[in-house]
Full PDB file with SEQRES, HELIX, SHEET, SSBOND, CRYST1, ORIGX, SCALE, CONECT and MASTER records, all heavy atoms in Angstrom:
SEQRES   1 A   41  LEU ASP LYS ASN THR VAL VAL PHE SER VAL THR ASP THR          
SEQRES   2 A   41  GLY ILE GLY ILE ALA PRO GLU ASP ILE GLU ARG ILE PHE          
SEQRES   3 A   41  GLU GLU PHE ILE GLN VAL ASN SER HIS LEU GLN LYS ARG          
SEQRES   4 A   41  VAL LYS                                                      
HELIX    1 AA1 PRO A   19  ASP A   21  5                                   3    
HELIX    2 AA2 ARG A   24  PHE A   26  5                                   3    
CRYST1    1.000    1.000    1.000  90.00  90.00  90.00 P 1           1          
ORIGX1      1.000000  0.000000  0.000000        0.00000                         
ORIGX2      0.000000  1.000000  0.000000        0.00000                         
ORIGX3      0.000000  0.000000  1.000000        0.00000                         
SCALE1      1.000000  0.000000  0.000000        0.00000                         
SCALE2      0.000000  1.000000  0.000000        0.00000                         
SCALE3      0.000000  0.000000  1.000000        0.00000                         
ATOM      1  N   LEU A   1     -76.726  20.388  -0.198  1.00  0.00           N  
ATOM      2  CA  LEU A   1     -76.014  21.242  -1.151  1.00  0.00           C  
ATOM      3  C   LEU A   1     -76.227  22.708  -0.781  1.00  0.00           C  
ATOM      4  O   LEU A   1     -77.202  23.085  -0.305  1.00  0.00           O  
ATOM      5  CB  LEU A   1     -76.641  21.034  -2.626  1.00  0.00           C  
ATOM      6  CG  LEU A   1     -76.120  19.892  -3.374  1.00  0.00           C  
ATOM      7  CD1 LEU A   1     -76.891  19.783  -4.740  1.00  0.00           C  
ATOM      8  CD2 LEU A   1     -74.594  20.021  -3.694  1.00  0.00           C  
ATOM      9  N   ASP A   2     -75.123  23.426  -0.982  1.00  0.00           N  
ATOM     10  CA  ASP A   2     -75.159  24.906  -0.644  1.00  0.00           C  
ATOM     11  C   ASP A   2     -74.289  25.584  -1.679  1.00  0.00           C  
ATOM     12  O   ASP A   2     -73.053  25.716  -1.579  1.00  0.00           O  
ATOM     13  CB  ASP A   2     -74.615  25.228   0.707  1.00  0.00           C  
ATOM     14  CG  ASP A   2     -74.750  26.717   1.086  1.00  0.00           C  
ATOM     15  OD1 ASP A   2     -75.335  27.480   0.344  1.00  0.00           O  
ATOM     16  OD2 ASP A   2     -74.096  27.159   2.036  1.00  0.00           O  
ATOM     17  N   LYS A   3     -74.953  26.054  -2.843  1.00  0.00           N  
ATOM     18  CA  LYS A   3     -74.242  26.660  -3.971  1.00  0.00           C  
ATOM     19  C   LYS A   3     -73.227  25.688  -4.506  1.00  0.00           C  
ATOM     20  O   LYS A   3     -73.593  24.597  -4.952  1.00  0.00           O  
ATOM     21  CB  LYS A   3     -73.742  28.035  -3.527  1.00  0.00           C  
ATOM     22  CG  LYS A   3     -74.695  29.050  -3.137  1.00  0.00           C  
ATOM     23  CD  LYS A   3     -74.056  30.378  -2.809  1.00  0.00           C  
ATOM     24  CE  LYS A   3     -75.146  31.339  -2.398  1.00  0.00           C  
ATOM     25  NZ  LYS A   3     -74.562  32.577  -1.988  1.00  0.00           N  
ATOM     26  N   ASN A   4     -71.951  26.063  -4.448  1.00  0.00           N  
ATOM     27  CA  ASN A   4     -70.788  25.226  -4.971  1.00  0.00           C  
ATOM     28  C   ASN A   4     -70.149  24.344  -3.909  1.00  0.00           C  
ATOM     29  O   ASN A   4     -69.028  23.932  -4.141  1.00  0.00           O  
ATOM     30  CB  ASN A   4     -69.771  26.082  -5.624  1.00  0.00           C  
ATOM     31  CG  ASN A   4     -70.367  26.756  -6.824  1.00  0.00           C  
ATOM     32  OD1 ASN A   4     -71.227  26.279  -7.593  1.00  0.00           O  
ATOM     33  ND2 ASN A   4     -69.951  28.088  -7.029  1.00  0.00           N  
ATOM     34  N   THR A   5     -70.850  24.187  -2.781  1.00  0.00           N  
ATOM     35  CA  THR A   5     -70.287  23.335  -1.724  1.00  0.00           C  
ATOM     36  C   THR A   5     -71.292  22.323  -1.282  1.00  0.00           C  
ATOM     37  O   THR A   5     -72.391  22.412  -1.488  1.00  0.00           O  
ATOM     38  CB  THR A   5     -69.848  24.235  -0.539  1.00  0.00           C  
ATOM     39  OG1 THR A   5     -70.966  24.903   0.039  1.00  0.00           O  
ATOM     40  CG2 THR A   5     -68.862  25.246  -0.901  1.00  0.00           C  
ATOM     41  N   VAL A   6     -70.785  21.228  -0.586  1.00  0.00           N  
ATOM     42  CA  VAL A   6     -71.559  20.289   0.095  1.00  0.00           C  
ATOM     43  C   VAL A   6     -71.314  20.397   1.612  1.00  0.00           C  
ATOM     44  O   VAL A   6     -70.131  20.393   2.029  1.00  0.00           O  
ATOM     45  CB  VAL A   6     -71.347  18.874  -0.461  1.00  0.00           C  
ATOM     46  CG1 VAL A   6     -69.863  18.441  -0.374  1.00  0.00           C  
ATOM     47  CG2 VAL A   6     -72.215  17.775   0.261  1.00  0.00           C  
ATOM     48  N   VAL A   7     -72.416  20.410   2.330  1.00  0.00           N  
ATOM     49  CA  VAL A   7     -72.265  20.542   3.779  1.00  0.00           C  
ATOM     50  C   VAL A   7     -72.606  19.183   4.446  1.00  0.00           C  
ATOM     51  O   VAL A   7     -73.790  18.774   4.414  1.00  0.00           O  
ATOM     52  CB  VAL A   7     -73.127  21.708   4.373  1.00  0.00           C  
ATOM     53  CG1 VAL A   7     -73.026  21.815   5.926  1.00  0.00           C  
ATOM     54  CG2 VAL A   7     -72.847  22.991   3.712  1.00  0.00           C  
ATOM     55  N   PHE A   8     -71.586  18.523   4.981  1.00  0.00           N  
ATOM     56  CA  PHE A   8     -71.842  17.320   5.655  1.00  0.00           C  
ATOM     57  C   PHE A   8     -72.075  17.599   7.109  1.00  0.00           C  
ATOM     58  O   PHE A   8     -71.466  18.503   7.694  1.00  0.00           O  
ATOM     59  CB  PHE A   8     -70.598  16.408   5.575  1.00  0.00           C  
ATOM     60  CG  PHE A   8     -70.358  15.877   4.187  1.00  0.00           C  
ATOM     61  CD1 PHE A   8     -69.238  16.487   3.437  1.00  0.00           C  
ATOM     62  CD2 PHE A   8     -70.997  14.779   3.662  1.00  0.00           C  
ATOM     63  CE1 PHE A   8     -69.005  16.070   2.126  1.00  0.00           C  
ATOM     64  CE2 PHE A   8     -70.645  14.334   2.320  1.00  0.00           C  
ATOM     65  CZ  PHE A   8     -69.710  14.928   1.643  1.00  0.00           C  
ATOM     66  N   SER A   9     -73.011  16.919   7.762  1.00  0.00           N  
ATOM     67  CA  SER A   9     -73.300  17.108   9.167  1.00  0.00           C  
ATOM     68  C   SER A   9     -73.490  15.831   9.902  1.00  0.00           C  
ATOM     69  O   SER A   9     -74.046  14.862   9.281  1.00  0.00           O  
ATOM     70  CB  SER A   9     -74.590  18.028   9.346  1.00  0.00           C  
ATOM     71  OG  SER A   9     -75.687  17.348   8.828  1.00  0.00           O  
ATOM     72  N   VAL A  10     -72.940  15.816  11.143  1.00  0.00           N  
ATOM     73  CA  VAL A  10     -73.121  14.549  11.945  1.00  0.00           C  
ATOM     74  C   VAL A  10     -73.707  15.060  13.227  1.00  0.00           C  
ATOM     75  O   VAL A  10     -73.097  15.867  13.990  1.00  0.00           O  
ATOM     76  CB  VAL A  10     -71.746  13.958  12.349  1.00  0.00           C  
ATOM     77  CG1 VAL A  10     -71.904  12.790  13.227  1.00  0.00           C  
ATOM     78  CG2 VAL A  10     -71.075  13.462  10.971  1.00  0.00           C  
ATOM     79  N   THR A  11     -75.023  14.592  13.545  1.00  0.00           N  
ATOM     80  CA  THR A  11     -75.757  15.114  14.664  1.00  0.00           C  
ATOM     81  C   THR A  11     -75.934  13.901  15.581  1.00  0.00           C  
ATOM     82  O   THR A  11     -76.299  12.753  15.255  1.00  0.00           O  
ATOM     83  CB  THR A  11     -77.219  15.585  14.237  1.00  0.00           C  
ATOM     84  OG1 THR A  11     -77.007  16.577  13.276  1.00  0.00           O  
ATOM     85  CG2 THR A  11     -77.965  16.155  15.403  1.00  0.00           C  
ATOM     86  N   ASP A  12     -75.725  14.150  16.952  1.00  0.00           N  
ATOM     87  CA  ASP A  12     -75.868  13.143  18.011  1.00  0.00           C  
ATOM     88  C   ASP A  12     -76.864  13.654  19.045  1.00  0.00           C  
ATOM     89  O   ASP A  12     -77.112  14.796  19.164  1.00  0.00           O  
ATOM     90  CB  ASP A  12     -74.556  12.680  18.533  1.00  0.00           C  
ATOM     91  CG  ASP A  12     -73.811  13.745  19.164  1.00  0.00           C  
ATOM     92  OD1 ASP A  12     -74.331  14.269  20.238  1.00  0.00           O  
ATOM     93  OD2 ASP A  12     -72.643  14.124  18.795  1.00  0.00           O  
ATOM     94  N   THR A  13     -77.271  12.655  19.854  1.00  0.00           N  
ATOM     95  CA  THR A  13     -78.084  12.971  21.076  1.00  0.00           C  
ATOM     96  C   THR A  13     -77.245  12.675  22.344  1.00  0.00           C  
ATOM     97  O   THR A  13     -77.835  12.211  23.349  1.00  0.00           O  
ATOM     98  CB  THR A  13     -79.360  12.137  21.039  1.00  0.00           C  
ATOM     99  OG1 THR A  13     -78.965  10.683  21.057  1.00  0.00           O  
ATOM    100  CG2 THR A  13     -80.249  12.543  19.834  1.00  0.00           C  
ATOM    101  N   GLY A  14     -75.996  13.056  22.318  1.00  0.00           N  
ATOM    102  CA  GLY A  14     -75.058  12.627  23.340  1.00  0.00           C  
ATOM    103  C   GLY A  14     -74.990  13.774  24.449  1.00  0.00           C  
ATOM    104  O   GLY A  14     -76.021  14.556  24.626  1.00  0.00           O  
ATOM    105  N   ILE A  15     -73.896  13.879  25.140  1.00  0.00           N  
ATOM    106  CA  ILE A  15     -73.692  14.619  26.310  1.00  0.00           C  
ATOM    107  C   ILE A  15     -73.623  16.109  25.950  1.00  0.00           C  
ATOM    108  O   ILE A  15     -73.746  16.913  26.732  1.00  0.00           O  
ATOM    109  CB  ILE A  15     -72.580  14.121  27.180  1.00  0.00           C  
ATOM    110  CG1 ILE A  15     -71.288  14.276  26.354  1.00  0.00           C  
ATOM    111  CG2 ILE A  15     -72.881  12.802  27.684  1.00  0.00           C  
ATOM    112  CD1 ILE A  15     -70.015  13.988  27.136  1.00  0.00           C  
ATOM    113  N   GLY A  16     -73.252  16.484  24.640  1.00  0.00           N  
ATOM    114  CA  GLY A  16     -73.102  17.829  24.280  1.00  0.00           C  
ATOM    115  C   GLY A  16     -71.771  18.432  24.829  1.00  0.00           C  
ATOM    116  O   GLY A  16     -71.011  17.747  25.513  1.00  0.00           O  
ATOM    117  N   ILE A  17     -71.558  19.711  24.474  1.00  0.00           N  
ATOM    118  CA  ILE A  17     -70.346  20.381  24.799  1.00  0.00           C  
ATOM    119  C   ILE A  17     -70.705  21.702  25.336  1.00  0.00           C  
ATOM    120  O   ILE A  17     -71.550  22.439  24.825  1.00  0.00           O  
ATOM    121  CB  ILE A  17     -69.360  20.562  23.542  1.00  0.00           C  
ATOM    122  CG1 ILE A  17     -69.123  19.250  23.059  1.00  0.00           C  
ATOM    123  CG2 ILE A  17     -68.188  21.258  24.013  1.00  0.00           C  
ATOM    124  CD1 ILE A  17     -68.482  19.217  21.662  1.00  0.00           C  
ATOM    125  N   ALA A  18     -70.101  22.098  26.503  1.00  0.00           N  
ATOM    126  CA  ALA A  18     -70.380  23.449  27.066  1.00  0.00           C  
ATOM    127  C   ALA A  18     -69.823  24.482  26.262  1.00  0.00           C  
ATOM    128  O   ALA A  18     -68.932  24.302  25.486  1.00  0.00           O  
ATOM    129  CB  ALA A  18     -69.688  23.488  28.510  1.00  0.00           C  
ATOM    130  N   PRO A  19     -70.470  25.710  26.261  1.00  0.00           N  
ATOM    131  CA  PRO A  19     -70.001  26.857  25.338  1.00  0.00           C  
ATOM    132  C   PRO A  19     -68.571  27.221  25.506  1.00  0.00           C  
ATOM    133  O   PRO A  19     -67.895  27.525  24.499  1.00  0.00           O  
ATOM    134  CB  PRO A  19     -70.959  27.993  25.698  1.00  0.00           C  
ATOM    135  CG  PRO A  19     -72.153  27.382  26.352  1.00  0.00           C  
ATOM    136  CD  PRO A  19     -71.640  26.048  27.003  1.00  0.00           C  
ATOM    137  N   GLU A  20     -68.016  27.173  26.733  1.00  0.00           N  
ATOM    138  CA  GLU A  20     -66.667  27.555  26.913  1.00  0.00           C  
ATOM    139  C   GLU A  20     -65.689  26.546  26.367  1.00  0.00           C  
ATOM    140  O   GLU A  20     -64.500  26.835  26.247  1.00  0.00           O  
ATOM    141  CB  GLU A  20     -66.334  27.855  28.404  1.00  0.00           C  
ATOM    142  CG  GLU A  20     -66.635  26.626  29.356  1.00  0.00           C  
ATOM    143  CD  GLU A  20     -68.023  26.409  29.876  1.00  0.00           C  
ATOM    144  OE1 GLU A  20     -68.899  27.172  29.382  1.00  0.00           O  
ATOM    145  OE2 GLU A  20     -68.204  25.775  30.820  1.00  0.00           O  
ATOM    146  N   ASP A  21     -66.154  25.345  26.039  1.00  0.00           N  
ATOM    147  CA  ASP A  21     -65.252  24.271  25.544  1.00  0.00           C  
ATOM    148  C   ASP A  21     -65.322  24.146  24.080  1.00  0.00           C  
ATOM    149  O   ASP A  21     -64.507  23.293  23.535  1.00  0.00           O  
ATOM    150  CB  ASP A  21     -65.598  22.942  26.246  1.00  0.00           C  
ATOM    151  CG  ASP A  21     -65.264  22.966  27.740  1.00  0.00           C  
ATOM    152  OD1 ASP A  21     -64.214  23.564  28.101  1.00  0.00           O  
ATOM    153  OD2 ASP A  21     -66.055  22.316  28.478  1.00  0.00           O  
ATOM    154  N   ILE A  22     -66.202  24.789  23.417  1.00  0.00           N  
ATOM    155  CA  ILE A  22     -66.356  24.600  21.981  1.00  0.00           C  
ATOM    156  C   ILE A  22     -65.151  24.855  21.140  1.00  0.00           C  
ATOM    157  O   ILE A  22     -64.757  24.118  20.297  1.00  0.00           O  
ATOM    158  CB  ILE A  22     -67.567  25.461  21.456  1.00  0.00           C  
ATOM    159  CG1 ILE A  22     -68.872  24.811  21.905  1.00  0.00           C  
ATOM    160  CG2 ILE A  22     -67.522  25.522  19.908  1.00  0.00           C  
ATOM    161  CD1 ILE A  22     -70.132  25.541  21.489  1.00  0.00           C  
ATOM    162  N   GLU A  23     -64.376  25.972  21.437  1.00  0.00           N  
ATOM    163  CA  GLU A  23     -63.164  26.258  20.705  1.00  0.00           C  
ATOM    164  C   GLU A  23     -62.062  25.373  21.184  1.00  0.00           C  
ATOM    165  O   GLU A  23     -61.100  25.031  20.343  1.00  0.00           O  
ATOM    166  CB  GLU A  23     -62.837  27.762  20.805  1.00  0.00           C  
ATOM    167  CG  GLU A  23     -63.651  28.673  19.979  1.00  0.00           C  
ATOM    168  CD  GLU A  23     -63.458  28.244  18.478  1.00  0.00           C  
ATOM    169  OE1 GLU A  23     -62.319  28.020  17.999  1.00  0.00           O  
ATOM    170  OE2 GLU A  23     -64.496  28.224  17.767  1.00  0.00           O  
ATOM    171  N   ARG A  24     -61.987  25.002  22.449  1.00  0.00           N  
ATOM    172  CA  ARG A  24     -60.905  24.203  23.026  1.00  0.00           C  
ATOM    173  C   ARG A  24     -60.779  22.878  22.404  1.00  0.00           C  
ATOM    174  O   ARG A  24     -59.741  22.310  22.301  1.00  0.00           O  
ATOM    175  CB  ARG A  24     -61.080  24.081  24.561  1.00  0.00           C  
ATOM    176  CG  ARG A  24     -60.877  25.290  25.286  1.00  0.00           C  
ATOM    177  CD  ARG A  24     -61.034  25.071  26.739  1.00  0.00           C  
ATOM    178  NE  ARG A  24     -59.985  24.134  27.297  1.00  0.00           N  
ATOM    179  CZ  ARG A  24     -60.219  23.002  27.870  1.00  0.00           C  
ATOM    180  NH1 ARG A  24     -61.532  22.639  28.027  1.00  0.00           N  
ATOM    181  NH2 ARG A  24     -59.259  22.321  28.294  1.00  0.00           N  
ATOM    182  N   ILE A  25     -61.949  22.302  22.012  1.00  0.00           N  
ATOM    183  CA  ILE A  25     -61.881  20.879  21.387  1.00  0.00           C  
ATOM    184  C   ILE A  25     -61.147  20.826  20.095  1.00  0.00           C  
ATOM    185  O   ILE A  25     -60.688  19.766  19.684  1.00  0.00           O  
ATOM    186  CB  ILE A  25     -63.305  20.265  21.236  1.00  0.00           C  
ATOM    187  CG1 ILE A  25     -64.086  21.130  20.182  1.00  0.00           C  
ATOM    188  CG2 ILE A  25     -64.019  20.225  22.574  1.00  0.00           C  
ATOM    189  CD1 ILE A  25     -65.356  20.482  19.865  1.00  0.00           C  
ATOM    190  N   PHE A  26     -60.852  21.904  19.428  1.00  0.00           N  
ATOM    191  CA  PHE A  26     -60.116  21.947  18.219  1.00  0.00           C  
ATOM    192  C   PHE A  26     -58.626  22.164  18.468  1.00  0.00           C  
ATOM    193  O   PHE A  26     -57.854  22.293  17.539  1.00  0.00           O  
ATOM    194  CB  PHE A  26     -60.666  22.979  17.205  1.00  0.00           C  
ATOM    195  CG  PHE A  26     -62.036  22.623  16.622  1.00  0.00           C  
ATOM    196  CD1 PHE A  26     -63.112  23.236  17.136  1.00  0.00           C  
ATOM    197  CD2 PHE A  26     -62.102  21.648  15.730  1.00  0.00           C  
ATOM    198  CE1 PHE A  26     -64.511  22.900  16.656  1.00  0.00           C  
ATOM    199  CE2 PHE A  26     -63.345  21.277  15.220  1.00  0.00           C  
ATOM    200  CZ  PHE A  26     -64.485  21.885  15.676  1.00  0.00           C  
ATOM    201  N   GLU A  27     -58.243  22.245  19.729  1.00  0.00           N  
ATOM    202  CA  GLU A  27     -56.819  22.336  20.064  1.00  0.00           C  
ATOM    203  C   GLU A  27     -56.262  20.929  20.193  1.00  0.00           C  
ATOM    204  O   GLU A  27     -56.923  20.064  20.638  1.00  0.00           O  
ATOM    205  CB  GLU A  27     -56.668  23.175  21.360  1.00  0.00           C  
ATOM    206  CG  GLU A  27     -57.168  24.646  21.262  1.00  0.00           C  
ATOM    207  CD  GLU A  27     -57.023  25.300  22.619  1.00  0.00           C  
ATOM    208  OE1 GLU A  27     -56.348  24.830  23.543  1.00  0.00           O  
ATOM    209  OE2 GLU A  27     -57.655  26.470  22.779  1.00  0.00           O  
ATOM    210  N   GLU A  28     -54.976  20.807  19.920  1.00  0.00           N  
ATOM    211  CA  GLU A  28     -54.326  19.518  19.900  1.00  0.00           C  
ATOM    212  C   GLU A  28     -54.285  18.953  21.398  1.00  0.00           C  
ATOM    213  O   GLU A  28     -53.817  19.807  22.294  1.00  0.00           O  
ATOM    214  CB  GLU A  28     -52.888  19.597  19.339  1.00  0.00           C  
ATOM    215  CG  GLU A  28     -52.962  20.070  17.867  1.00  0.00           C  
ATOM    216  CD  GLU A  28     -51.560  20.407  17.279  1.00  0.00           C  
ATOM    217  OE1 GLU A  28     -50.587  20.072  17.943  1.00  0.00           O  
ATOM    218  OE2 GLU A  28     -51.560  21.095  16.262  1.00  0.00           O  
ATOM    219  N   PHE A  29     -54.530  17.731  21.477  1.00  0.00           N  
ATOM    220  CA  PHE A  29     -54.397  16.961  22.768  1.00  0.00           C  
ATOM    221  C   PHE A  29     -55.449  17.431  23.800  1.00  0.00           C  
ATOM    222  O   PHE A  29     -55.263  17.056  25.076  1.00  0.00           O  
ATOM    223  CB  PHE A  29     -53.028  17.030  23.363  1.00  0.00           C  
ATOM    224  CG  PHE A  29     -51.911  16.558  22.421  1.00  0.00           C  
ATOM    225  CD1 PHE A  29     -51.117  17.434  21.735  1.00  0.00           C  
ATOM    226  CD2 PHE A  29     -51.778  15.198  22.173  1.00  0.00           C  
ATOM    227  CE1 PHE A  29     -50.058  17.049  20.950  1.00  0.00           C  
ATOM    228  CE2 PHE A  29     -50.844  14.759  21.275  1.00  0.00           C  
ATOM    229  CZ  PHE A  29     -49.984  15.622  20.664  1.00  0.00           C  
ATOM    230  N   ILE A  30     -56.418  18.176  23.460  1.00  0.00           N  
ATOM    231  CA  ILE A  30     -57.480  18.640  24.424  1.00  0.00           C  
ATOM    232  C   ILE A  30     -58.660  17.665  24.410  1.00  0.00           C  
ATOM    233  O   ILE A  30     -59.160  17.404  23.292  1.00  0.00           O  
ATOM    234  CB  ILE A  30     -57.929  20.074  24.037  1.00  0.00           C  
ATOM    235  CG1 ILE A  30     -56.773  21.080  24.277  1.00  0.00           C  
ATOM    236  CG2 ILE A  30     -59.119  20.462  24.982  1.00  0.00           C  
ATOM    237  CD1 ILE A  30     -56.231  21.145  25.681  1.00  0.00           C  
ATOM    238  N   GLN A  31     -59.023  17.160  25.595  1.00  0.00           N  
ATOM    239  CA  GLN A  31     -60.147  16.352  25.778  1.00  0.00           C  
ATOM    240  C   GLN A  31     -61.034  16.951  26.838  1.00  0.00           C  
ATOM    241  O   GLN A  31     -60.511  17.251  27.994  1.00  0.00           O  
ATOM    242  CB  GLN A  31     -59.866  14.930  25.996  1.00  0.00           C  
ATOM    243  CG  GLN A  31     -59.205  14.232  24.823  1.00  0.00           C  
ATOM    244  CD  GLN A  31     -58.823  12.775  25.243  1.00  0.00           C  
ATOM    245  OE1 GLN A  31     -58.272  12.423  26.229  1.00  0.00           O  
ATOM    246  NE2 GLN A  31     -59.274  11.833  24.295  1.00  0.00           N  
ATOM    247  N   VAL A  32     -62.351  17.118  26.620  1.00  0.00           N  
ATOM    248  CA  VAL A  32     -63.180  17.765  27.580  1.00  0.00           C  
ATOM    249  C   VAL A  32     -63.603  16.697  28.735  1.00  0.00           C  
ATOM    250  O   VAL A  32     -63.900  15.530  28.389  1.00  0.00           O  
ATOM    251  CB  VAL A  32     -64.518  18.218  26.930  1.00  0.00           C  
ATOM    252  CG1 VAL A  32     -65.521  18.860  27.970  1.00  0.00           C  
ATOM    253  CG2 VAL A  32     -64.153  19.241  25.831  1.00  0.00           C  
ATOM    254  N   ASN A  33     -63.483  17.119  29.924  1.00  0.00           N  
ATOM    255  CA  ASN A  33     -63.815  16.228  30.983  1.00  0.00           C  
ATOM    256  C   ASN A  33     -65.320  15.929  31.018  1.00  0.00           C  
ATOM    257  O   ASN A  33     -66.082  16.751  30.913  1.00  0.00           O  
ATOM    258  CB  ASN A  33     -63.407  16.786  32.296  1.00  0.00           C  
ATOM    259  CG  ASN A  33     -61.828  16.874  32.527  1.00  0.00           C  
ATOM    260  OD1 ASN A  33     -61.140  16.049  31.999  1.00  0.00           O  
ATOM    261  ND2 ASN A  33     -61.364  17.935  33.199  1.00  0.00           N  
ATOM    262  N   SER A  34     -65.689  14.590  31.239  1.00  0.00           N  
ATOM    263  CA  SER A  34     -67.065  14.218  31.376  1.00  0.00           C  
ATOM    264  C   SER A  34     -67.068  12.846  32.132  1.00  0.00           C  
ATOM    265  O   SER A  34     -66.041  12.247  32.351  1.00  0.00           O  
ATOM    266  CB  SER A  34     -67.704  14.063  29.978  1.00  0.00           C  
ATOM    267  OG  SER A  34     -67.123  12.971  29.378  1.00  0.00           O  
ATOM    268  N   HIS A  35     -68.281  12.421  32.388  1.00  0.00           N  
ATOM    269  CA  HIS A  35     -68.446  11.181  33.160  1.00  0.00           C  
ATOM    270  C   HIS A  35     -68.157   9.973  32.286  1.00  0.00           C  
ATOM    271  O   HIS A  35     -67.935   8.783  32.793  1.00  0.00           O  
ATOM    272  CB  HIS A  35     -69.823  11.060  33.848  1.00  0.00           C  
ATOM    273  CG  HIS A  35     -70.955  10.965  32.776  1.00  0.00           C  
ATOM    274  ND1 HIS A  35     -71.473  12.101  32.130  1.00  0.00           N  
ATOM    275  CD2 HIS A  35     -71.505   9.897  32.299  1.00  0.00           C  
ATOM    276  CE1 HIS A  35     -72.345  11.717  31.237  1.00  0.00           C  
ATOM    277  NE2 HIS A  35     -72.514  10.392  31.383  1.00  0.00           N  
ATOM    278  N   LEU A  36     -68.056  10.256  30.879  1.00  0.00           N  
ATOM    279  CA  LEU A  36     -67.770   9.133  29.997  1.00  0.00           C  
ATOM    280  C   LEU A  36     -66.261   8.965  29.724  1.00  0.00           C  
ATOM    281  O   LEU A  36     -65.834   8.094  29.039  1.00  0.00           O  
ATOM    282  CB  LEU A  36     -68.423   9.320  28.725  1.00  0.00           C  
ATOM    283  CG  LEU A  36     -70.009   9.298  28.789  1.00  0.00           C  
ATOM    284  CD1 LEU A  36     -70.621   9.584  27.425  1.00  0.00           C  
ATOM    285  CD2 LEU A  36     -70.545   7.946  29.231  1.00  0.00           C  
ATOM    286  N   GLN A  37     -65.464   9.952  30.284  1.00  0.00           N  
ATOM    287  CA  GLN A  37     -64.098  10.040  29.919  1.00  0.00           C  
ATOM    288  C   GLN A  37     -63.309   8.741  30.184  1.00  0.00           C  
ATOM    289  O   GLN A  37     -62.411   8.376  29.479  1.00  0.00           O  
ATOM    290  CB  GLN A  37     -63.414  11.269  30.616  1.00  0.00           C  
ATOM    291  CG  GLN A  37     -62.072  11.693  30.009  1.00  0.00           C  
ATOM    292  CD  GLN A  37     -62.283  12.247  28.561  1.00  0.00           C  
ATOM    293  OE1 GLN A  37     -63.241  13.042  28.360  1.00  0.00           O  
ATOM    294  NE2 GLN A  37     -61.505  11.821  27.650  1.00  0.00           N  
ATOM    295  N   LYS A  38     -63.684   8.133  31.389  1.00  0.00           N  
ATOM    296  CA  LYS A  38     -62.858   6.938  31.751  1.00  0.00           C  
ATOM    297  C   LYS A  38     -63.272   5.696  30.916  1.00  0.00           C  
ATOM    298  O   LYS A  38     -62.365   4.856  30.626  1.00  0.00           O  
ATOM    299  CB  LYS A  38     -63.171   6.568  33.212  1.00  0.00           C  
ATOM    300  CG  LYS A  38     -62.629   7.544  34.242  1.00  0.00           C  
ATOM    301  CD  LYS A  38     -62.903   7.211  35.612  1.00  0.00           C  
ATOM    302  CE  LYS A  38     -62.369   8.182  36.640  1.00  0.00           C  
ATOM    303  NZ  LYS A  38     -62.606   7.776  38.030  1.00  0.00           N  
ATOM    304  N   ARG A  39     -64.481   5.790  30.304  1.00  0.00           N  
ATOM    305  CA  ARG A  39     -64.926   4.553  29.483  1.00  0.00           C  
ATOM    306  C   ARG A  39     -64.486   4.653  28.083  1.00  0.00           C  
ATOM    307  O   ARG A  39     -64.082   3.674  27.522  1.00  0.00           O  
ATOM    308  CB  ARG A  39     -66.443   4.507  29.454  1.00  0.00           C  
ATOM    309  CG  ARG A  39     -67.066   3.394  28.739  1.00  0.00           C  
ATOM    310  CD  ARG A  39     -68.527   3.168  28.981  1.00  0.00           C  
ATOM    311  NE  ARG A  39     -69.254   4.341  28.595  1.00  0.00           N  
ATOM    312  CZ  ARG A  39     -69.761   4.493  27.333  1.00  0.00           C  
ATOM    313  NH1 ARG A  39     -69.442   3.625  26.414  1.00  0.00           N  
ATOM    314  NH2 ARG A  39     -70.472   5.493  27.004  1.00  0.00           N  
ATOM    315  N   VAL A  40     -64.365   5.968  27.523  1.00  0.00           N  
ATOM    316  CA  VAL A  40     -63.972   6.113  26.164  1.00  0.00           C  
ATOM    317  C   VAL A  40     -62.526   6.676  26.111  1.00  0.00           C  
ATOM    318  O   VAL A  40     -62.120   7.460  26.955  1.00  0.00           O  
ATOM    319  CB  VAL A  40     -64.872   7.070  25.422  1.00  0.00           C  
ATOM    320  CG1 VAL A  40     -66.185   6.455  25.307  1.00  0.00           C  
ATOM    321  CG2 VAL A  40     -64.966   8.432  26.007  1.00  0.00           C  
ATOM    322  N   LYS A  41     -61.796   6.150  25.193  1.00  0.00           N  
ATOM    323  CA  LYS A  41     -60.341   6.690  25.093  1.00  0.00           C  
ATOM    324  C   LYS A  41     -60.197   7.425  23.722  1.00  0.00           C  
ATOM    325  O   LYS A  41     -60.872   7.135  22.741  1.00  0.00           O  
ATOM    326  CB  LYS A  41     -59.450   5.468  25.010  1.00  0.00           C  
ATOM    327  CG  LYS A  41     -59.489   4.640  26.293  1.00  0.00           C  
ATOM    328  CD  LYS A  41     -58.996   5.375  27.460  1.00  0.00           C  
ATOM    329  CE  LYS A  41     -58.930   4.514  28.808  1.00  0.00           C  
ATOM    330  NZ  LYS A  41     -58.499   5.303  29.984  1.00  0.00           N  
TER     331      LYS A  41                                                      
MASTER        0    0    0    2    0    0    0    6  330    1    0    4          
END                                                                             
């Protein structure tokens, strides 16, 4: 709870995201290259 809002959070221990890619992932059809890219669609 934060005043009149609820803050949901999802935390993982995965591969993470580089600082330069943080804003890009919210662009349409953008997927960050990684060694898991071929395995996950």
